[in-house]
């Protein structure tokens, strides 16, 4: 599988690190806004070729697929361009920063028949997979979920602490992980959605604190707290509250409600969620099937975020 990795930031490196462990995955070129940026990252992973032109890379017949780790506002247009150029595409979360654009990505995927997979990594983390297996075996039923997404980002920086040219977003990026995993794990549809947020940061132009409540058609509820103001342990912490127990997932670590560790080392072939995500992308292309976290399977998450965004616009109108 001949791949172009597009984006030389923190997540571009995560995917390059993962792809070197996957048989039949060949990174042909690293693409960035400048050759110098692309070269700096490509050299770390022994990749000879770099480019500063996504459009030219899409014209190549020696590229089968692209992995997009570019700024959020570019995701939808770049994913659509890849599929129209005959390439399969894995786009980092979120697939779009509007409900209309997410729907358009799905429309083009259905029109072209190309694999379009979105980086909803929580579906692949071994900790969450372990819980999903319990659910699928009929041994655990979710009653409620409590999720905290906490970072300290009062400046416009990326996951490596480097300056960022675009602004990250709690709703259109970080809540997507939680809203999707809630619907994926419950197998239910969100029918009620509420959101509140704090004041907008004077420089970043976004709220740094949000509170989201969701309810499914099966009655399960999600309480989601998100903050870029948190000066403490960083990351997203998922509490699954069910009929037969409680489980807390912290990325690839899992404990029960009494904080007793659960061994998830044998859940899959790797403990790296990004690697497992990339393995699924390549397998889906090779096997000619829809991948887990295809744009079709995650689309309802974006419907919910669209409703929440509309609610925030109404609230702004009241203020």
Protein backbone atom coordinates (compact mmCIF):
# COMPACT_ATOMS: atom_id res chain seq x y z
CA UNK A 1 0.00 0.00 0.00
CA UNK A 2 1.69 3.18 -1.25
CA UNK A 3 0.85 6.07 1.04
CA UNK A 4 1.35 9.83 1.17
CA UNK A 5 1.34 11.29 4.68
CA UNK A 6 0.10 14.85 4.46
CA UNK A 7 1.01 17.10 7.38
CA UNK A 8 4.34 17.18 9.20
CA UNK A 9 3.11 18.13 12.66
CA UNK A 10 2.70 16.12 15.85
CA UNK A 11 0.13 13.72 14.43
CA UNK A 12 1.95 13.27 11.16
CA UNK A 13 4.83 11.90 13.20
CA UNK A 14 2.49 9.64 15.18
CA UNK A 15 1.23 8.07 11.96
CA UNK A 16 4.71 7.72 10.50
CA UNK A 17 5.84 6.00 13.68
CA UNK A 18 2.85 3.64 13.47
CA UNK A 19 3.17 2.86 9.76
CA UNK A 20 6.73 1.57 10.10
CA UNK A 21 5.30 -1.35 12.11
CA UNK A 22 2.68 -2.33 9.52
CA UNK A 23 3.55 -4.87 6.80
CA UNK A 24 2.81 -3.74 3.24
CA UNK A 25 2.59 -0.08 4.29
CA UNK A 26 5.02 1.99 2.24
CA UNK A 27 5.20 5.74 2.81
CA UNK A 28 6.20 7.16 -0.55
CA UNK A 29 6.18 10.85 0.34
CA UNK A 30 5.71 13.27 3.21
CA UNK A 31 3.81 16.42 2.26
CA UNK A 32 3.86 19.73 4.14
CA UNK A 33 3.47 23.45 3.48
CA UNK A 34 7.21 23.67 2.85
CA UNK A 35 9.82 21.24 1.63
CA UNK A 36 11.96 22.13 4.64
CA UNK A 37 9.24 21.14 7.13
CA UNK A 38 8.52 17.93 5.25
CA UNK A 39 12.20 17.04 5.04
CA UNK A 40 12.76 17.53 8.75
CA UNK A 41 10.10 14.93 9.57
CA UNK A 42 10.81 12.58 6.65
CA UNK A 43 14.45 12.26 7.64
CA UNK A 44 13.44 11.03 11.10
CA UNK A 45 11.69 8.06 9.52
CA UNK A 46 14.00 7.36 6.60
CA UNK A 47 11.59 8.55 3.90
CA UNK A 48 13.39 9.82 0.84
CA UNK A 49 10.75 11.90 -0.89
CA UNK A 50 9.04 15.10 0.24
CA UNK A 51 6.69 17.59 -1.38
CA UNK A 52 5.05 20.94 -0.72
CA UNK A 53 2.23 20.35 -3.22
CA UNK A 54 -0.73 18.22 -2.19
CA UNK A 55 -2.32 18.79 -5.61
CA UNK A 56 0.69 17.37 -7.45
CA UNK A 57 0.88 14.34 -5.13
CA UNK A 58 -2.78 13.54 -5.88
CA UNK A 59 -1.95 13.37 -9.61
CA UNK A 60 0.60 10.58 -9.08
CA UNK A 61 -0.28 7.03 -10.08
CA UNK A 62 2.18 5.54 -7.57
CA UNK A 63 0.09 6.72 -4.61
CA UNK A 64 -2.80 4.50 -3.50
CA UNK A 65 -3.88 6.32 -0.35
CA UNK A 66 -3.34 9.48 1.68
CA UNK A 67 -3.36 10.06 5.41
CA UNK A 68 -4.34 13.61 6.30
CA UNK A 69 -2.92 15.12 9.50
CA UNK A 70 -3.42 18.70 8.40
CA UNK A 71 -5.23 21.57 10.19
CA UNK A 72 -8.90 20.89 10.95
CA UNK A 73 -10.31 23.56 8.57
CA UNK A 74 -8.63 21.75 5.64
CA UNK A 75 -9.87 18.21 6.36
CA UNK A 76 -13.12 18.10 4.40
CA UNK A 77 -11.81 19.75 1.22
CA UNK A 78 -8.63 17.67 1.20
CA UNK A 79 -10.49 14.40 1.82
CA UNK A 80 -12.88 15.20 -1.03
CA UNK A 81 -9.98 16.08 -3.35
CA UNK A 82 -8.25 12.78 -2.55
CA UNK A 83 -11.30 10.67 -3.33
CA UNK A 84 -12.04 12.58 -6.54
CA UNK A 85 -8.42 11.90 -7.55
CA UNK A 86 -8.99 8.17 -7.07
CA UNK A 87 -7.17 7.84 -3.73
CA UNK A 88 -8.36 6.20 -0.54
CA UNK A 89 -8.17 8.57 2.40
CA UNK A 90 -7.77 8.43 6.16
CA UNK A 91 -8.42 11.85 7.63
CA UNK A 92 -7.58 12.74 11.19
CA UNK A 93 -10.43 13.70 13.48
CA UNK A 94 -12.57 15.69 12.81
CA UNK A 95 -13.60 14.93 9.24
CA UNK A 96 -15.04 18.45 9.06
CA UNK A 97 -15.80 21.47 11.21
CA UNK A 98 -19.41 21.78 10.03
CA UNK A 99 -22.33 19.38 9.59
CA UNK A 100 -22.77 20.41 5.96
CA UNK A 101 -19.14 19.64 5.10
CA UNK A 102 -19.28 16.26 6.88
CA UNK A 103 -22.31 15.32 4.79
CA UNK A 104 -20.50 16.36 1.62
CA UNK A 105 -17.53 14.12 2.46
CA UNK A 106 -19.92 11.18 2.80
CA UNK A 107 -21.64 12.06 -0.47
CA UNK A 108 -18.32 12.03 -2.34
CA UNK A 109 -17.29 8.78 -0.65
CA UNK A 110 -20.51 7.13 -1.83
CA UNK A 111 -20.07 8.61 -5.29
CA UNK A 112 -16.47 7.44 -5.70
CA UNK A 113 -16.59 4.20 -3.69
CA UNK A 114 -13.20 4.96 -2.15
CA UNK A 115 -12.37 4.07 1.43
CA UNK A 116 -12.77 7.16 3.60
CA UNK A 117 -11.88 6.55 7.23
CA UNK A 118 -11.85 9.11 10.04
CA UNK A 119 -9.35 9.05 12.92
CA UNK A 120 -11.74 8.24 15.76
CA UNK A 121 -8.90 6.57 17.63
CA UNK A 122 -10.87 5.68 20.76
CA UNK A 123 -12.57 2.90 18.81
CA UNK A 124 -9.13 1.29 18.46
CA UNK A 125 -7.45 1.91 21.82
CA UNK A 126 -7.15 -1.50 23.57
CA UNK A 127 -8.75 -0.09 26.74
CA UNK A 128 -11.95 0.81 24.88
CA UNK A 129 -11.83 -2.36 22.79
CA UNK A 130 -11.83 -4.40 26.01
CA UNK A 131 -15.01 -2.67 27.16
CA UNK A 132 -16.61 -3.13 23.72
CA UNK A 133 -15.90 -6.85 23.82
CA UNK A 134 -17.70 -7.05 27.18
CA UNK A 135 -20.67 -5.24 25.67
CA UNK A 136 -20.74 -7.43 22.56
CA UNK A 137 -20.60 -10.57 24.74
CA UNK A 138 -23.67 -9.37 26.65
CA UNK A 139 -21.68 -9.06 29.88
CA UNK A 140 -21.90 -5.28 30.30
CA UNK A 141 -24.50 -2.68 29.46
CA UNK A 142 -23.76 1.04 29.68
CA UNK A 143 -26.12 3.07 31.83
CA UNK A 144 -24.14 6.33 31.78
CA UNK A 145 -20.78 7.73 30.78
CA UNK A 146 -18.78 10.52 32.39
CA UNK A 147 -15.93 11.93 30.32
CA UNK A 148 -13.37 14.65 31.06
CA UNK A 149 -11.20 16.21 28.36
CA UNK A 150 -8.65 18.43 30.08
CA UNK A 151 -5.73 20.35 28.56
CA UNK A 152 -3.83 23.53 29.34
CA UNK A 153 -3.91 25.53 26.12
CA UNK A 154 -4.34 29.23 26.73
CA UNK A 155 -1.91 29.78 23.86
CA UNK A 156 -2.25 28.53 20.30
CA UNK A 157 0.07 25.51 20.48
CA UNK A 158 -0.09 21.91 19.27
CA UNK A 159 0.36 18.60 21.09
CA UNK A 160 4.15 19.09 21.00
CA UNK A 161 3.91 22.56 22.55
CA UNK A 162 4.81 24.24 19.26
CA UNK A 163 3.04 27.33 17.80
CA UNK A 164 0.01 26.47 15.65
CA UNK A 165 -1.18 28.40 12.60
CA UNK A 166 -4.84 27.53 13.21
CA UNK A 167 -7.05 27.32 16.29
CA UNK A 168 -8.07 23.99 17.81
CA UNK A 169 -11.65 23.62 19.02
CA UNK A 170 -13.20 21.84 21.98
CA UNK A 171 -16.49 21.13 20.19
CA UNK A 172 -15.45 20.35 16.62
CA UNK A 173 -12.37 18.34 17.60
CA UNK A 174 -12.17 17.10 21.15
CA UNK A 175 -15.84 16.40 21.81
CA UNK A 176 -15.95 14.34 18.61
CA UNK A 177 -13.92 11.59 20.29
CA UNK A 178 -16.39 11.39 23.17
CA UNK A 179 -19.66 11.80 21.28
CA UNK A 180 -18.64 9.12 18.80
CA UNK A 181 -17.44 6.61 21.40
CA UNK A 182 -20.66 7.16 23.39
CA UNK A 183 -22.84 6.27 20.40
CA UNK A 184 -20.48 3.50 19.25
CA UNK A 185 -20.40 1.80 22.66
CA UNK A 186 -24.10 2.16 23.43
CA UNK A 187 -25.20 1.28 19.91
CA UNK A 188 -27.77 4.01 20.36
CA UNK A 189 -28.73 7.32 18.78
CA UNK A 190 -28.39 10.63 20.59
CA UNK A 191 -31.84 12.24 20.74
CA UNK A 192 -31.20 15.08 23.22
CA UNK A 193 -28.14 17.32 23.31
CA UNK A 194 -27.34 20.31 25.52
CA UNK A 195 -24.26 22.52 25.70
CA UNK A 196 -22.99 25.44 27.77
CA UNK A 197 -19.67 27.21 27.44
CA UNK A 198 -17.62 29.79 29.24
CA UNK A 199 -16.46 33.15 27.87
CA UNK A 200 -14.41 33.26 24.70
CA UNK A 201 -10.68 33.80 25.02
CA UNK A 202 -9.80 37.34 23.83
CA UNK A 203 -6.95 36.15 21.59
CA UNK A 204 -7.97 32.63 20.54
CA UNK A 205 -11.60 33.58 19.90
CA UNK A 206 -12.96 30.31 21.29
CA UNK A 207 -14.37 29.25 24.64
CA UNK A 208 -11.86 27.37 26.77
CA UNK A 209 -14.49 25.57 28.87
CA UNK A 210 -17.53 23.59 27.75
CA UNK A 211 -20.12 21.32 29.34
CA UNK A 212 -22.13 18.88 27.21
CA UNK A 213 -25.03 16.59 28.12
CA UNK A 214 -26.39 13.90 25.80
CA UNK A 215 -29.17 11.31 26.03
CA UNK A 216 -29.77 8.34 23.74
CA UNK A 217 -33.00 6.79 22.54
CA UNK A 218 -32.20 3.92 24.95
CA UNK A 219 -32.02 6.30 27.91
CA UNK A 220 -28.25 6.34 28.50
CA UNK A 221 -26.73 9.71 29.37
CA UNK A 222 -23.32 11.27 28.76
CA UNK A 223 -21.85 14.03 30.88
CA UNK A 224 -18.85 15.58 29.11
CA UNK A 225 -16.61 18.29 30.54
CA UNK A 226 -13.97 19.92 28.34
CA UNK A 227 -11.38 22.53 29.27
CA UNK A 228 -8.29 24.20 27.86
CA UNK A 229 -7.84 25.90 31.25
CA UNK A 230 -6.84 22.81 33.22
CA UNK A 231 -3.42 23.11 34.87
CA UNK A 232 -3.13 19.49 36.00
CA UNK A 233 -3.19 15.96 34.60
CA UNK A 234 -3.80 16.26 30.86
CA UNK A 235 -5.82 14.06 28.55
CA UNK A 236 -9.25 12.50 28.24
CA UNK A 237 -10.62 10.19 30.90
CA UNK A 238 -13.62 7.96 30.22
CA UNK A 239 -15.79 6.47 32.98
CA UNK A 240 -18.11 3.69 31.82
CA UNK A 241 -20.89 3.17 34.37
CA UNK A 242 -22.81 -0.04 33.70
CA UNK A 243 -25.11 -2.69 35.09
CA UNK A 244 -22.30 -5.07 36.04
CA UNK A 245 -19.45 -2.72 36.90
CA UNK A 246 -17.61 0.52 36.30
CA UNK A 247 -14.53 0.94 34.10
CA UNK A 248 -12.23 3.92 33.65
CA UNK A 249 -10.21 4.21 30.45
CA UNK A 250 -7.22 6.53 30.24
CA UNK A 251 -6.03 6.16 26.65
CA UNK A 252 -4.47 2.66 26.63
CA UNK A 253 -4.81 2.03 30.38
CA UNK A 254 -7.94 0.56 31.96
CA UNK A 255 -9.00 0.16 35.59
CA UNK A 256 -12.22 -0.82 37.27
CA UNK A 257 -14.22 1.48 39.53
CA UNK A 258 -11.95 0.58 42.46
CA UNK A 259 -8.88 1.66 40.44
CA UNK A 260 -7.71 -1.96 40.07
CA UNK A 261 -5.74 -2.38 36.82
CA UNK A 262 -7.12 -4.50 34.00
CA UNK A 263 -4.65 -6.16 31.62
CA UNK A 264 -5.43 -5.11 28.04
CA UNK A 265 -2.09 -6.14 26.55
CA UNK A 266 -3.60 -9.08 24.65
CA UNK A 267 -6.63 -7.30 23.26
CA UNK A 268 -5.00 -6.58 19.88
CA UNK A 269 -1.68 -6.89 18.04
CA UNK A 270 -0.46 -3.55 19.40
CA UNK A 271 -1.01 -1.23 22.35
CA UNK A 272 -0.76 1.80 20.02
CA UNK A 273 -4.21 3.08 19.06
CA UNK A 274 -2.89 5.03 16.07
CA UNK A 275 -1.15 1.93 14.75
CA UNK A 276 -4.33 -0.12 15.13
CA UNK A 277 -6.27 2.62 13.35
CA UNK A 278 -3.79 2.63 10.45
CA UNK A 279 -3.84 -1.17 10.29
CA UNK A 280 -7.63 -1.05 9.89
CA UNK A 281 -7.34 1.53 7.11
CA UNK A 282 -4.91 -0.59 5.12
CA UNK A 283 -6.85 -3.80 5.77
CA UNK A 284 -10.12 -2.23 4.61
CA UNK A 285 -8.52 -1.13 1.33
CA UNK A 286 -6.86 -4.50 0.77
CA UNK A 287 -10.02 -6.45 1.60
CA UNK A 288 -12.37 -4.13 -0.26
CA UNK A 289 -14.63 -3.42 2.72
CA UNK A 290 -15.88 -0.56 4.85
CA UNK A 291 -13.52 0.20 7.74
CA UNK A 292 -14.41 0.68 11.36
CA UNK A 293 -14.75 4.48 11.76
CA UNK A 294 -15.66 4.97 8.12
CA UNK A 295 -17.14 8.38 7.39
CA UNK A 296 -20.55 6.70 7.13
CA UNK A 297 -20.26 5.05 10.55
CA UNK A 298 -19.14 8.22 12.37
CA UNK A 299 -21.42 10.67 10.58
CA UNK A 300 -24.06 10.82 13.30
CA UNK A 301 -21.44 12.20 15.67
CA UNK A 302 -21.17 15.22 13.35
CA UNK A 303 -24.96 15.61 13.27
CA UNK A 304 -24.90 15.96 17.04
CA UNK A 305 -22.01 18.44 16.96
CA UNK A 306 -23.86 20.43 14.33
CA UNK A 307 -26.88 20.64 16.63
CA UNK A 308 -24.67 21.71 19.53
CA UNK A 309 -22.97 24.36 17.38
CA UNK A 310 -26.36 25.72 16.37
CA UNK A 311 -27.34 25.86 20.03
CA UNK A 312 -24.23 27.90 20.84
CA UNK A 313 -25.07 30.33 18.05
CA UNK A 314 -28.52 30.81 19.55
CA UNK A 315 -26.99 31.39 22.97
CA UNK A 316 -24.63 33.99 21.52
CA UNK A 317 -27.69 35.73 20.10
CA UNK A 318 -29.21 35.94 23.58
CA UNK A 319 -26.15 37.51 25.16
